[in-house]
C-alpha atoms as a PDB file:
ATOM      1  CA  MET A   1      24.036 -32.387 -31.164  1.00  0.00           C
ATOM      2  CA  ALA A   2      26.788 -30.730 -29.170  1.00  0.00           C
ATOM      3  CA  ILE A   3      30.153 -30.237 -30.801  1.00  0.00           C
ATOM      4  CA  ARG A   4      33.344 -30.378 -28.761  1.00  0.00           C
ATOM      5  CA  LYS A   5      35.590 -27.361 -29.005  1.00  0.00           C
ATOM      6  CA  PRO A   6      39.184 -28.084 -30.035  1.00  0.00           C
ATOM      7  CA  LEU A   7      42.044 -27.787 -27.579  1.00  0.00           C
ATOM      8  CA  PRO A   8      42.940 -24.072 -27.288  1.00  0.00           C
ATOM      9  CA  GLU A   9      46.638 -24.954 -27.147  1.00  0.00           C
ATOM     10  CA  ALA A  10      46.493 -27.291 -30.170  1.00  0.00           C
ATOM     11  CA  ALA A  11      48.933 -25.212 -32.236  1.00  0.00           C
ATOM     12  CA  LEU A  12      51.553 -25.282 -29.481  1.00  0.00           C
ATOM     13  CA  LEU A  13      51.034 -29.019 -29.009  1.00  0.00           C
ATOM     14  CA  ALA A  14      51.513 -29.651 -32.731  1.00  0.00           C
ATOM     15  CA  GLN A  15      54.674 -27.514 -32.754  1.00  0.00           C
ATOM     16  CA  LEU A  16      56.109 -29.347 -29.740  1.00  0.00           C
ATOM     17  CA  LEU A  17      55.273 -32.753 -31.210  1.00  0.00           C
ATOM     18  CA  ALA A  18      56.939 -31.831 -34.503  1.00  0.00           C
ATOM     19  CA  LEU A  19      60.022 -30.581 -32.656  1.00  0.00           C
ATOM     20  CA  ARG A  20      60.163 -33.743 -30.561  1.00  0.00           C
ATOM     21  CA  GLU A  21      59.776 -35.952 -33.648  1.00  0.00           C
ATOM     22  CA  ALA A  22      62.462 -34.111 -35.601  1.00  0.00           C
ATOM     23  CA  GLY A  23      64.868 -34.207 -32.681  1.00  0.00           C
ATOM     24  CA  ALA A  24      66.773 -31.193 -33.957  1.00  0.00           C
ATOM     25  CA  SER A  25      66.178 -28.224 -36.196  1.00  0.00           C
ATOM     26  CA  GLU A  26      68.365 -25.588 -37.783  1.00  0.00           C
ATOM     27  CA  ASP A  27      65.581 -22.991 -37.675  1.00  0.00           C
ATOM     28  CA  ASP A  28      64.781 -21.189 -34.458  1.00  0.00           C
ATOM     29  CA  PRO A  29      61.442 -22.678 -33.322  1.00  0.00           C
ATOM     30  CA  GLY A  30      60.524 -19.457 -31.497  1.00  0.00           C
ATOM     31  CA  LEU A  31      59.970 -21.214 -28.184  1.00  0.00           C
ATOM     32  CA  PRO A  32      61.204 -20.180 -24.726  1.00  0.00           C
ATOM     33  CA  ALA A  33      64.765 -21.140 -23.811  1.00  0.00           C
ATOM     34  CA  MET A  34      63.434 -23.582 -21.234  1.00  0.00           C
ATOM     35  CA  LEU A  35      61.966 -25.729 -24.034  1.00  0.00           C
ATOM     36  CA  VAL A  36      64.800 -25.647 -26.579  1.00  0.00           C
ATOM     37  CA  SER A  37      68.546 -25.376 -26.373  1.00  0.00           C
ATOM     38  CA  ARG A  38      71.200 -24.874 -29.002  1.00  0.00           C
ATOM     39  CA  GLY A  39      73.670 -27.709 -29.300  1.00  0.00           C
ATOM     40  CA  ASP A  40      77.364 -27.527 -30.155  1.00  0.00           C
ATOM     41  CA  ASP A  41      76.516 -28.097 -33.815  1.00  0.00           C
ATOM     42  CA  GLY A  42      74.179 -25.083 -33.900  1.00  0.00           C
ATOM     43  CA  GLN A  43      71.023 -27.207 -34.029  1.00  0.00           C
ATOM     44  CA  TRP A  44      68.016 -26.436 -31.832  1.00  0.00           C
ATOM     45  CA  ARG A  45      67.174 -29.450 -29.687  1.00  0.00           C
ATOM     46  CA  PRO A  46      64.145 -30.007 -27.433  1.00  0.00           C
ATOM     47  CA  THR A  47      64.816 -30.176 -23.709  1.00  0.00           C
ATOM     48  CA  GLU A  48      63.241 -32.567 -21.228  1.00  0.00           C
ATOM     49  CA  ALA A  49      60.621 -29.917 -20.497  1.00  0.00           C
ATOM     50  CA  VAL A  50      59.137 -30.456 -23.965  1.00  0.00           C
ATOM     51  CA  SER A  51      58.155 -34.032 -23.109  1.00  0.00           C
ATOM     52  CA  LEU A  52      56.596 -32.937 -19.830  1.00  0.00           C
ATOM     53  CA  LEU A  53      54.686 -30.110 -21.504  1.00  0.00           C
ATOM     54  CA  VAL A  54      53.483 -32.421 -24.293  1.00  0.00           C
ATOM     55  CA  ASP A  55      52.257 -34.898 -21.659  1.00  0.00           C
ATOM     56  CA  PHE A  56      50.427 -32.083 -19.862  1.00  0.00           C
ATOM     57  CA  LEU A  57      48.782 -30.789 -23.040  1.00  0.00           C
ATOM     58  CA  LYS A  58      47.711 -34.301 -24.067  1.00  0.00           C
ATOM     59  CA  ALA A  59      46.280 -34.897 -20.595  1.00  0.00           C
ATOM     60  CA  ARG A  60      44.467 -31.547 -20.790  1.00  0.00           C
ATOM     61  CA  ASP A  61      42.964 -32.547 -24.128  1.00  0.00           C
ATOM     62  CA  ALA A  62      41.864 -35.887 -22.663  1.00  0.00           C
ATOM     63  CA  ALA A  63      40.345 -34.122 -19.635  1.00  0.00           C
ATOM     64  CA  LEU A  64      38.408 -31.725 -21.869  1.00  0.00           C
ATOM     65  CA  GLN A  65      37.155 -34.654 -23.977  1.00  0.00           C
ATOM     66  CA  ALA A  66      36.130 -36.628 -20.892  1.00  0.00           C
ATOM     67  CA  ALA A  67      34.304 -33.623 -19.423  1.00  0.00           C
ATOM     68  CA  PHE A  68      32.468 -33.190 -22.718  1.00  0.00           C
ATOM     69  CA  ASP A  69      31.513 -36.890 -22.774  1.00  0.00           C
ATOM     70  CA  THR A  70      30.265 -36.695 -19.175  1.00  0.00           C
ATOM     71  CA  GLU A  71      28.124 -33.662 -19.974  1.00  0.00           C
ATOM     72  CA  LEU A  72      26.740 -35.354 -23.087  1.00  0.00           C
ATOM     73  CA  ALA A  73      25.827 -38.520 -21.161  1.00  0.00           C
ATOM     74  CA  ALA A  74      24.157 -36.486 -18.416  1.00  0.00           C
ATOM     75  CA  ASP A  75      22.090 -34.508 -20.941  1.00  0.00           C
ATOM     76  CA  GLU A  76      20.967 -37.684 -22.672  1.00  0.00           C
ATOM     77  CA  LEU A  77      20.029 -39.289 -19.360  1.00  0.00           C
ATOM     78  CA  ARG A  78      18.043 -36.212 -18.299  1.00  0.00           C
ATOM     79  CA  ARG A  79      16.099 -36.297 -21.572  1.00  0.00           C
ATOM     80  CA  PHE A  80      15.123 -39.938 -21.146  1.00  0.00           C
ATOM     81  CA  GLN A  81      14.408 -39.807 -17.397  1.00  0.00           C
ATOM     82  CA  LYS A  82      11.973 -36.966 -17.934  1.00  0.00           C
ATOM     83  CA  PHE A  83       9.526 -39.367 -19.574  1.00  0.00           C
ATOM     84  CA  ALA A  84      10.350 -42.492 -17.539  1.00  0.00           C
ATOM     85  CA  ARG A  85       7.534 -44.192 -15.679  1.00  0.00           C
ATOM     86  CA  PRO A  86       7.819 -44.591 -11.923  1.00  0.00           C
ATOM     87  CA  GLY A  87       9.119 -47.895 -10.666  1.00  0.00           C
ATOM     88  CA  GLN A  88      11.690 -50.179 -12.197  1.00  0.00           C
ATOM     89  CA  PRO A  89      13.915 -48.277 -14.681  1.00  0.00           C
ATOM     90  CA  SER A  90      14.025 -49.539 -18.229  1.00  0.00           C
ATOM     91  CA  PRO A  91      17.154 -51.364 -19.423  1.00  0.00           C
ATOM     92  CA  HIS A  92      17.931 -48.400 -21.673  1.00  0.00           C
ATOM     93  CA  VAL A  93      17.942 -45.962 -18.729  1.00  0.00           C
ATOM     94  CA  VAL A  94      20.140 -48.375 -16.750  1.00  0.00           C
ATOM     95  CA  GLN A  95      22.559 -48.554 -19.665  1.00  0.00           C
ATOM     96  CA  MET A  96      22.668 -44.754 -19.908  1.00  0.00           C
ATOM     97  CA  ARG A  97      23.363 -44.504 -16.170  1.00  0.00           C
ATOM     98  CA  GLN A  98      26.237 -46.942 -16.609  1.00  0.00           C
ATOM     99  CA  ARG A  99      27.540 -44.900 -19.543  1.00  0.00           C
ATOM    100  CA  GLN A 100      27.340 -41.738 -17.437  1.00  0.00           C
ATOM    101  CA  ALA A 101      29.216 -43.414 -14.571  1.00  0.00           C
ATOM    102  CA  ALA A 102      31.932 -44.638 -16.944  1.00  0.00           C
ATOM    103  CA  ALA A 103      32.258 -41.161 -18.455  1.00  0.00           C
ATOM    104  CA  ARG A 104      32.490 -39.606 -14.987  1.00  0.00           C
ATOM    105  CA  GLN A 105      35.195 -42.101 -13.992  1.00  0.00           C
ATOM    106  CA  ALA A 106      37.155 -41.378 -17.182  1.00  0.00           C
ATOM    107  CA  SER A 107      36.809 -37.658 -16.466  1.00  0.00           C
ATOM    108  CA  ASN A 108      38.202 -38.099 -12.952  1.00  0.00           C
ATOM    109  CA  GLN A 109      41.141 -40.159 -14.229  1.00  0.00           C
ATOM    110  CA  ALA A 110      41.932 -37.649 -16.975  1.00  0.00           C
ATOM    111  CA  ARG A 111      41.786 -34.758 -14.514  1.00  0.00           C
ATOM    112  CA  GLN A 112      44.116 -36.609 -12.159  1.00  0.00           C
ATOM    113  CA  ALA A 113      46.589 -37.247 -14.996  1.00  0.00           C
ATOM    114  CA  GLN A 114      46.415 -33.578 -15.976  1.00  0.00           C
ATOM    115  CA  LEU A 115      47.219 -32.484 -12.420  1.00  0.00           C
ATOM    116  CA  LYS A 116      50.071 -35.003 -12.157  1.00  0.00           C
ATOM    117  CA  ASN A 117      51.656 -33.846 -15.432  1.00  0.00           C
ATOM    118  CA  ALA A 118      51.163 -30.191 -14.505  1.00  0.00           C
ATOM    119  CA  ALA A 119      52.900 -30.740 -11.176  1.00  0.00           C
ATOM    120  CA  ALA A 120      55.806 -32.498 -12.884  1.00  0.00           C
ATOM    121  CA  PHE A 121      56.258 -29.682 -15.415  1.00  0.00           C
ATOM    122  CA  ALA A 122      55.869 -26.950 -12.777  1.00  0.00           C
ATOM    123  CA  HIS A 123      58.457 -28.654 -10.577  1.00  0.00           C
ATOM    124  CA  MET A 124      60.958 -29.068 -13.416  1.00  0.00           C
ATOM    125  CA  ALA A 125      60.408 -25.524 -14.693  1.00  0.00           C
ATOM    126  CA  GLN A 126      60.412 -24.136 -11.145  1.00  0.00           C
ATOM    127  CA  LEU A 127      57.103 -22.367 -11.727  1.00  0.00           C
ATOM    128  CA  THR A 128      55.404 -20.921  -8.691  1.00  0.00           C
ATOM    129  CA  GLY A 129      52.060 -19.265  -8.440  1.00  0.00           C
ATOM    130  CA  PRO A 130      49.899 -17.586  -5.876  1.00  0.00           C
ATOM    131  CA  ALA A 131      48.563 -19.595  -2.971  1.00  0.00           C
ATOM    132  CA  ARG A 132      45.408 -21.628  -3.589  1.00  0.00           C
ATOM    133  CA  ARG A 133      46.072 -22.005  -7.309  1.00  0.00           C
ATOM    134  CA  GLY A 134      46.510 -25.431  -8.765  1.00  0.00           C
ATOM    135  CA  ALA A 135      49.607 -26.471 -10.659  1.00  0.00           C
ATOM    136  CA  ASP A 136      47.528 -26.878 -13.807  1.00  0.00           C
ATOM    137  CA  GLU A 137      46.376 -23.250 -13.644  1.00  0.00           C
ATOM    138  CA  VAL A 138      49.943 -22.060 -13.099  1.00  0.00           C
ATOM    139  CA  VAL A 139      51.193 -24.097 -16.069  1.00  0.00           C
ATOM    140  CA  LEU A 140      48.325 -22.865 -18.268  1.00  0.00           C
ATOM    141  CA  ASP A 141      49.116 -19.258 -17.340  1.00  0.00           C
ATOM    142  CA  TRP A 142      52.754 -19.891 -18.250  1.00  0.00           C
ATOM    143  CA  VAL A 143      51.737 -21.511 -21.561  1.00  0.00           C
ATOM    144  CA  HIS A 144      49.522 -18.566 -22.479  1.00  0.00           C
ATOM    145  CA  THR A 145      52.145 -15.954 -21.573  1.00  0.00           C
ATOM    146  CA  SER A 146      55.515 -17.579 -22.295  1.00  0.00           C
ATOM    147  CA  GLY A 147      54.668 -20.641 -24.347  1.00  0.00           C
ATOM    148  CA  LYS A 148      53.106 -18.600 -27.179  1.00  0.00           C
ATOM    149  CA  ALA A 149      49.890 -20.637 -27.258  1.00  0.00           C
END
């Protein structure tokens, strides 16, 4: 059975969630200045960019999970269709096709949410990338270089 790989940026996501939950911290979280700011009381507070980046990372995790589920459903369907008799498909094969279609639809929705959240973060952070690169790739490059993922 295939095992899904964890989100590569899981440590950053956990750090951002903890920072957002705490609301403020006296210790320097070690994040870029765009994500945290120091208040008048000397406490480090998350900026609005933290919420957008958390939404993007959650959407990325959901997209990776949905892609894994789609691949798993397709593999299972291929295994069963290999031995199927010609003619009317069995109810089990029909059910697997429906499961594959639902997984593909969930994958498309998760990918769309990932792109939407990436565009929102890139716009707020004023990130620009080379032509023909998606906002999600630009944000991921920023996360891997500046976000300390």
